Amino acid sequence: MRFVDQVKINVKAGDGGRGCLSFRREKFIPRGGPDGGDGGNGGDVYLHTDSSLTTLLDFRYNAHYKAANGMHGMGKNMHGKAGDALTIHVPPGTLVYDAETDELLVDLVEPGETYKLLNGGQGGRGNARFATSTNRAPRHTQPGTPGETLTLRLELKLLADVGLVGMPNAGKSTLIRAVSAARPKVADYPFTTLVPNLGVVRYGGFKSFVMADIPGLIEGASDGQGLGTRFLRHVERTDFFLHLVDLTSAPEDDYLHHFDIINAELERHDATLAGKPQLVVLTKNDVTDVRERAEIARPLFEERGYDVFIISAISGDGIKELIEEVGSRLDAQREANADDGTTD
């Protein structure tokens, strides 16, 4: 499945039906009077978050959406049927913008959330509505009003509890494959991951959390270098980061070099990201050279106040301890949010 996180679509509510011009014509009733019914209202348009969706791919192939029009009024005072409403399903985490003004209309975060986007047109009144004591045979009706229309820009920000960040080829895809059912591409060259991947990680029996594998960042990413800002926004909703560091590519005299580059890019993109908690994960511990470097690098990170885990996603070394720590932190955060009456 292709991952699509930005699309532009045209949406229109249904038009109201036209009022009817009609007069009652029955045997032995020479002056039956007006009996034109009203037109039906046009269908409204709703947005609904569907937790089974994780991409905006469907909108790439269908960019036009229109609710049903109201039916026209008929004789014998029969009103037209209202047009059926249109419900557009989007994945949780979708931001909806007016494409012309760039105004944020709604941020749809919670699964099952429904938002009324557009109102359908009003049905026109038939001539029976205009009968008075002085105008017993009105020939005036109203057309239905048009439904509202908008050009929207949909932008998806993934909803995940934990975000994996780090330089290209730091081992993010290998880790998420090791702890979840996600199957991103893994290879021994940079930028093998070109789209974000979500994986559900089980821990503590029946509990779970969502982990997001964000494509590798490089220096200048906040200015559009590499994969640029296209995927930086996907880490904005995460509770905290697992910052993966590949010591095989780090300069021997500066093991914090790549770590500092990524943090600087996160802060430049959004200052709040720099304040989110991080666990430092030194990867590829199955390599002899890494094990030697890790003993030197670990105290450097700990001096800055970071908890450090040394893992190998290939051999499984350190994976269990890392997941238990992540789960413990998420449990504590959820309990704190429950006590405050807030949600994640």
Protein backbone atom coordinates (compact mmCIF):
# COMPACT_ATOMS: atom_id res chain seq x y z
CA MET A 1 0.00 0.00 0.00
CA ARG A 2 1.32 3.42 -0.92
CA PHE A 3 1.60 5.93 1.89
CA VAL A 4 -0.03 9.27 1.02
CA ASP A 5 -0.15 11.98 3.67
CA GLN A 6 -1.21 15.11 1.72
CA VAL A 7 -4.04 15.49 -0.79
CA LYS A 8 -6.34 18.15 -2.16
CA ILE A 9 -10.02 17.36 -2.77
CA ASN A 10 -13.18 19.16 -3.87
CA VAL A 11 -16.29 18.64 -1.75
CA LYS A 12 -19.83 19.83 -2.43
CA ALA A 13 -23.04 19.46 -0.45
CA GLY A 14 -26.25 18.60 -2.29
CA ASP A 15 -28.42 21.27 -3.89
CA GLY A 16 -31.96 21.83 -2.66
CA GLY A 17 -34.81 20.63 -4.86
CA ARG A 18 -37.06 23.03 -6.79
CA GLY A 19 -40.55 23.85 -5.50
CA CYS A 20 -43.42 22.63 -7.67
CA LEU A 21 -45.97 24.73 -9.57
CA SER A 22 -49.18 22.70 -9.59
CA PHE A 23 -52.96 23.09 -9.21
CA ARG A 24 -55.42 20.54 -8.01
CA ARG A 25 -57.39 19.11 -10.87
CA GLU A 26 -60.18 16.70 -9.91
CA LYS A 27 -63.69 16.01 -11.21
CA PHE A 28 -66.40 18.10 -9.56
CA ILE A 29 -63.74 20.33 -7.90
CA PRO A 30 -63.42 23.21 -10.40
CA ARG A 31 -61.24 25.40 -8.17
CA GLY A 32 -59.02 22.97 -6.30
CA GLY A 33 -56.35 25.56 -5.67
CA PRO A 34 -52.54 25.30 -5.63
CA ASP A 35 -51.02 22.02 -4.51
CA GLY A 36 -47.36 22.29 -5.48
CA GLY A 37 -45.08 20.68 -2.89
CA ASP A 38 -41.71 21.88 -1.58
CA GLY A 39 -38.37 20.60 -2.80
CA GLY A 40 -36.24 18.44 -0.54
CA ASN A 41 -33.11 19.70 1.19
CA GLY A 42 -29.73 18.76 -0.24
CA GLY A 43 -27.54 16.28 1.59
CA ASP A 44 -24.99 17.49 4.14
CA VAL A 45 -21.33 16.42 4.13
CA TYR A 46 -19.64 14.88 7.18
CA LEU A 47 -16.09 13.79 7.95
CA HIS A 48 -15.64 10.65 10.05
CA THR A 49 -12.41 9.22 11.44
CA ASP A 50 -11.98 5.53 10.69
CA SER A 51 -9.31 3.72 12.71
CA SER A 52 -8.91 1.10 9.95
CA LEU A 53 -7.38 3.77 7.68
CA THR A 54 -3.72 4.78 7.93
CA THR A 55 -3.21 6.70 4.69
CA LEU A 56 -4.95 9.21 2.42
CA LEU A 57 -4.32 7.02 -0.62
CA ASP A 58 -7.98 6.68 -1.64
CA PHE A 59 -8.26 10.44 -2.12
CA ARG A 60 -5.43 10.36 -4.66
CA TYR A 61 -7.68 8.47 -7.08
CA ASN A 62 -10.95 10.25 -6.29
CA ALA A 63 -10.63 13.99 -5.66
CA HIS A 64 -14.30 14.99 -6.10
CA TYR A 65 -17.06 14.30 -3.57
CA LYS A 66 -20.68 15.42 -3.77
CA ALA A 67 -23.69 14.71 -1.59
CA ALA A 68 -27.04 13.90 -3.19
CA ASN A 69 -29.35 16.68 -4.34
CA GLY A 70 -32.83 17.06 -2.89
CA MET A 71 -35.70 15.89 -5.09
CA HIS A 72 -38.02 18.42 -6.68
CA GLY A 73 -41.50 19.00 -5.22
CA MET A 74 -44.51 17.44 -6.90
CA GLY A 75 -48.24 17.99 -7.22
CA LYS A 76 -50.79 16.93 -4.62
CA ASN A 77 -48.65 18.70 -2.00
CA MET A 78 -45.97 16.03 -2.20
CA HIS A 79 -42.62 17.29 -0.96
CA GLY A 80 -39.41 16.15 -2.55
CA LYS A 81 -37.18 13.65 -0.76
CA ALA A 82 -34.15 15.10 1.04
CA GLY A 83 -30.80 14.18 -0.46
CA ASP A 84 -28.73 11.56 1.32
CA ALA A 85 -25.87 12.90 3.41
CA LEU A 86 -22.31 12.07 2.38
CA THR A 87 -19.83 10.77 4.97
CA ILE A 88 -16.17 10.90 4.01
CA HIS A 89 -13.94 8.54 5.99
CA VAL A 90 -10.46 9.73 6.94
CA PRO A 91 -7.73 8.24 9.16
CA PRO A 92 -7.29 9.54 12.71
CA GLY A 93 -4.77 12.35 12.83
CA THR A 94 -6.11 14.14 9.74
CA LEU A 95 -5.95 17.91 9.65
CA VAL A 96 -8.51 19.58 7.36
CA TYR A 97 -7.60 22.92 5.79
CA ASP A 98 -9.47 25.27 3.50
CA ALA A 99 -7.16 25.07 0.50
CA GLU A 100 -7.92 28.63 -0.61
CA THR A 101 -7.40 30.44 2.70
CA ASP A 102 -5.13 27.84 4.39
CA GLU A 103 -7.41 28.04 7.46
CA LEU A 104 -7.43 24.97 9.70
CA LEU A 105 -11.06 23.84 9.85
CA VAL A 106 -10.71 20.84 12.14
CA ASP A 107 -8.11 18.46 13.55
CA LEU A 108 -9.63 14.98 13.62
CA VAL A 109 -7.70 13.01 16.21
CA GLU A 110 -10.04 10.60 18.01
CA PRO A 111 -11.22 7.42 16.21
CA GLY A 112 -14.96 7.49 15.55
CA GLU A 113 -15.12 11.29 15.61
CA THR A 114 -17.66 12.92 13.26
CA TYR A 115 -17.55 16.51 12.04
CA LYS A 116 -20.19 18.29 9.97
CA LEU A 117 -18.29 19.94 7.15
CA LEU A 118 -20.87 21.37 4.74
CA ASN A 119 -24.59 22.16 4.80
CA GLY A 120 -26.85 21.06 2.00
CA GLY A 121 -28.98 23.57 0.13
CA GLN A 122 -32.52 24.36 1.27
CA GLY A 123 -35.40 23.04 -0.78
CA GLY A 124 -37.50 25.63 -2.59
CA ARG A 125 -41.12 26.24 -1.65
CA GLY A 126 -43.94 25.13 -3.93
CA ASN A 127 -46.78 27.42 -5.00
CA ALA A 128 -49.09 26.00 -2.30
CA ARG A 129 -46.98 27.94 0.19
CA PHE A 130 -47.83 31.27 -1.41
CA ALA A 131 -51.63 31.00 -1.38
CA THR A 132 -53.35 33.84 0.47
CA SER A 133 -56.87 35.16 0.80
CA THR A 134 -56.15 37.65 -1.97
CA ASN A 135 -53.98 35.42 -4.15
CA ARG A 136 -55.71 32.07 -4.36
CA ALA A 137 -53.93 30.86 -7.50
CA PRO A 138 -50.25 31.81 -7.03
CA ARG A 139 -47.89 30.88 -9.83
CA HIS A 140 -44.77 31.66 -7.83
CA THR A 141 -42.33 29.00 -6.65
CA GLN A 142 -38.77 29.01 -5.33
CA PRO A 143 -35.75 27.22 -6.71
CA GLY A 144 -33.64 25.28 -4.25
CA THR A 145 -30.50 26.93 -2.93
CA PRO A 146 -27.13 25.43 -3.90
CA GLY A 147 -25.19 23.36 -1.39
CA GLU A 148 -21.98 24.66 0.12
CA THR A 149 -18.72 23.80 -1.58
CA LEU A 150 -15.09 23.74 -0.48
CA THR A 151 -11.68 22.82 -1.79
CA LEU A 152 -9.88 21.04 1.03
CA ARG A 153 -6.29 20.17 1.78
CA LEU A 154 -6.03 17.07 3.92
CA GLU A 155 -2.82 16.52 5.85
CA LEU A 156 -2.12 13.41 7.87
CA LYS A 157 -0.02 13.39 11.03
CA LEU A 158 0.49 9.88 12.31
CA LEU A 159 -0.81 9.05 15.78
CA ALA A 160 1.80 7.06 17.65
CA ASP A 161 2.88 6.70 21.27
CA VAL A 162 6.57 6.39 20.46
CA GLY A 163 8.56 7.80 17.56
CA LEU A 164 11.83 6.36 16.26
CA VAL A 165 14.25 9.07 15.16
CA GLY A 166 17.84 9.00 14.05
CA MET A 167 20.16 9.34 11.12
CA PRO A 168 19.60 7.21 7.99
CA ASN A 169 20.64 3.58 8.45
CA ALA A 170 20.59 3.85 12.26
CA GLY A 171 18.49 0.68 12.55
CA LYS A 172 14.97 2.09 12.96
CA SER A 173 13.31 -0.21 10.44
CA THR A 174 15.15 -3.24 11.81
CA LEU A 175 13.96 -2.43 15.33
CA ILE A 176 10.30 -1.99 14.41
CA ARG A 177 10.42 -5.27 12.47
CA ALA A 178 11.85 -7.00 15.53
CA VAL A 179 9.17 -5.79 17.98
CA SER A 180 6.02 -5.61 15.83
CA ALA A 181 4.34 -7.03 12.74
CA ALA A 182 5.37 -4.02 10.63
CA ARG A 183 7.54 -4.97 7.68
CA PRO A 184 9.38 -1.92 6.35
CA LYS A 185 12.19 -2.39 3.86
CA VAL A 186 15.60 -3.08 5.39
CA ALA A 187 18.89 -2.72 3.49
CA ASP A 188 22.49 -1.72 4.12
CA TYR A 189 22.21 1.70 2.50
CA PRO A 190 20.73 5.02 3.68
CA PHE A 191 17.11 6.10 3.05
CA THR A 192 15.74 2.58 2.61
CA THR A 193 12.64 3.83 4.46
CA LEU A 194 10.87 6.38 2.28
CA VAL A 195 7.55 6.48 4.13
CA PRO A 196 6.61 6.31 7.83
CA ASN A 197 5.62 2.92 9.19
CA LEU A 198 3.42 2.10 12.16
CA GLY A 199 3.78 -0.99 14.30
CA VAL A 200 1.79 -2.23 17.31
CA VAL A 201 4.11 -3.42 20.07
CA ARG A 202 2.79 -5.82 22.72
CA TYR A 203 4.03 -5.67 26.29
CA GLY A 204 2.98 -6.65 29.79
CA GLY A 205 0.55 -9.34 28.68
CA PHE A 206 -2.36 -7.72 26.87
CA LYS A 207 -1.17 -4.13 26.75
CA SER A 208 0.24 -2.47 23.63
CA PHE A 209 1.52 0.80 22.20
CA VAL A 210 2.00 2.18 18.70
CA MET A 211 5.51 2.81 17.42
CA ALA A 212 6.25 5.01 14.40
CA ASP A 213 9.32 4.48 12.23
CA ILE A 214 10.10 7.91 10.77
CA PRO A 215 12.32 8.04 7.63
CA GLY A 216 15.92 9.00 8.41
CA LEU A 217 16.67 12.64 9.03
CA ILE A 218 19.84 14.49 8.08
CA GLU A 219 21.35 17.86 8.78
CA GLY A 220 19.19 20.54 7.15
CA ALA A 221 16.02 18.39 7.21
CA SER A 222 14.03 21.26 8.75
CA ASP A 223 14.95 23.32 5.66
CA GLY A 224 13.90 20.58 3.26
CA GLN A 225 17.16 18.66 2.86
CA GLY A 226 16.92 14.91 2.27
CA LEU A 227 13.34 13.87 2.94
CA GLY A 228 12.95 17.28 4.54
CA THR A 229 9.92 18.51 6.39
CA ARG A 230 7.64 16.05 4.63
CA PHE A 231 7.94 13.55 7.49
CA LEU A 232 9.09 15.72 10.39
CA ARG A 233 5.46 16.55 11.16
CA HIS A 234 4.75 12.88 11.85
CA VAL A 235 6.73 13.02 15.09
CA GLU A 236 4.73 15.96 16.46
CA ARG A 237 2.03 13.80 18.07
CA THR A 238 4.31 11.21 19.70
CA ASP A 239 4.64 11.11 23.49
CA PHE A 240 8.39 10.56 23.44
CA PHE A 241 11.25 9.46 21.21
CA LEU A 242 13.56 6.52 20.96
CA HIS A 243 16.64 8.20 19.55
CA LEU A 244 18.63 5.53 17.71
CA VAL A 245 22.37 6.11 17.37
CA ASP A 246 24.58 4.04 15.08
CA LEU A 247 28.09 4.16 16.56
CA THR A 248 29.62 2.54 13.48
CA SER A 249 29.07 5.75 11.52
CA ALA A 250 29.78 8.20 14.35
CA PRO A 251 33.16 9.98 14.51
CA GLU A 252 35.35 8.32 17.15
CA ASP A 253 36.14 11.66 18.73
CA ASP A 254 32.51 12.78 18.89
CA TYR A 255 29.93 10.05 19.56
CA LEU A 256 27.30 12.75 20.22
CA HIS A 257 27.73 14.33 16.77
CA HIS A 258 24.80 12.70 14.96
CA PHE A 259 22.67 12.80 18.10
CA ASP A 260 23.08 16.58 18.35
CA ILE A 261 22.35 17.06 14.64
CA ILE A 262 18.98 15.29 14.87
CA ASN A 263 17.96 17.15 18.03
CA ALA A 264 18.85 20.47 16.42
CA GLU A 265 16.67 19.66 13.41
CA LEU A 266 13.76 18.65 15.66
CA GLU A 267 14.02 21.94 17.54
CA ARG A 268 14.24 23.99 14.37
CA HIS A 269 11.12 22.30 13.02
CA ASP A 270 9.12 22.74 16.24
CA ALA A 271 10.56 23.97 19.52
CA THR A 272 8.21 21.73 21.52
CA LEU A 273 9.82 18.62 20.02
CA ALA A 274 13.12 19.37 21.73
CA GLY A 275 11.37 19.23 25.11
CA LYS A 276 9.89 15.78 24.62
CA PRO A 277 11.52 12.96 26.61
CA GLN A 278 13.98 10.72 24.80
CA LEU A 279 15.56 7.36 25.43
CA VAL A 280 18.93 6.91 23.76
CA VAL A 281 19.27 3.56 21.98
CA LEU A 282 22.73 2.50 20.82
CA THR A 283 22.09 0.01 18.02
CA LYS A 284 23.95 -2.83 16.28
CA ASN A 285 25.44 -4.25 19.46
CA ASP A 286 26.05 -7.53 17.60
CA VAL A 287 29.06 -5.83 15.96
CA THR A 288 32.25 -6.14 17.99
CA ASP A 289 33.39 -2.61 17.21
CA VAL A 290 30.04 -1.24 18.46
CA ARG A 291 30.31 -3.04 21.79
CA GLU A 292 33.69 -1.43 22.38
CA ARG A 293 32.47 2.02 21.39
CA ALA A 294 29.26 1.71 23.44
CA GLU A 295 31.20 1.47 26.69
CA ILE A 296 32.85 4.79 25.87
CA ALA A 297 29.75 6.52 24.48
CA ARG A 298 27.25 5.49 27.14
CA PRO A 299 28.63 7.75 29.93
CA LEU A 300 28.60 10.72 27.54
CA PHE A 301 24.84 10.43 27.06
CA GLU A 302 24.21 9.68 30.72
CA GLU A 303 26.08 12.86 31.70
CA ARG A 304 23.41 14.77 29.80
CA GLY A 305 20.68 13.02 31.78
CA TYR A 306 19.57 10.44 29.21
CA ASP A 307 18.79 6.81 29.95
CA VAL A 308 20.78 4.64 27.54
CA PHE A 309 19.93 1.20 26.14
CA ILE A 310 22.34 -0.88 24.10
CA ILE A 311 20.55 -3.26 21.74
CA SER A 312 20.86 -5.49 18.73
CA ALA A 313 17.65 -5.90 16.77
CA ILE A 314 19.29 -8.78 14.89
CA SER A 315 20.22 -10.92 17.91
CA GLY A 316 17.51 -9.52 20.20
CA ASP A 317 20.03 -8.38 22.78
CA GLY A 318 18.52 -5.66 25.01
CA ILE A 319 15.17 -5.57 23.17
CA LYS A 320 13.08 -6.95 26.04
CA GLU A 321 14.49 -4.46 28.54
CA LEU A 322 13.91 -1.57 26.15
CA ILE A 323 10.24 -2.47 25.50
CA GLU A 324 9.57 -2.96 29.21
CA GLU A 325 10.97 0.50 29.94
CA VAL A 326 8.90 2.10 27.15
CA GLY A 327 5.75 0.36 28.39
CA SER A 328 6.44 1.42 31.98
CA ARG A 329 6.83 5.04 30.97
CA LEU A 330 3.66 5.00 28.89
CA ASP A 331 1.71 3.42 31.76
CA ALA A 332 2.90 6.14 34.12
CA GLN A 333 1.99 8.86 31.63
CA ARG A 334 -1.47 7.42 31.02
CA GLU A 335 -2.13 7.24 34.73
CA ALA A 336 -1.03 10.85 35.14
CA ASN A 337 -3.30 11.92 32.28
CA ALA A 338 -6.22 10.00 33.83
CA ASP A 339 -5.68 11.76 37.15
CA ASP A 340 -5.65 15.13 35.37
CA GLY A 341 -8.74 14.28 33.36
CA THR A 342 -6.85 14.61 30.08
CA THR A 343 -6.28 12.23 27.19
CA ASP A 344 -3.18 11.37 25.19
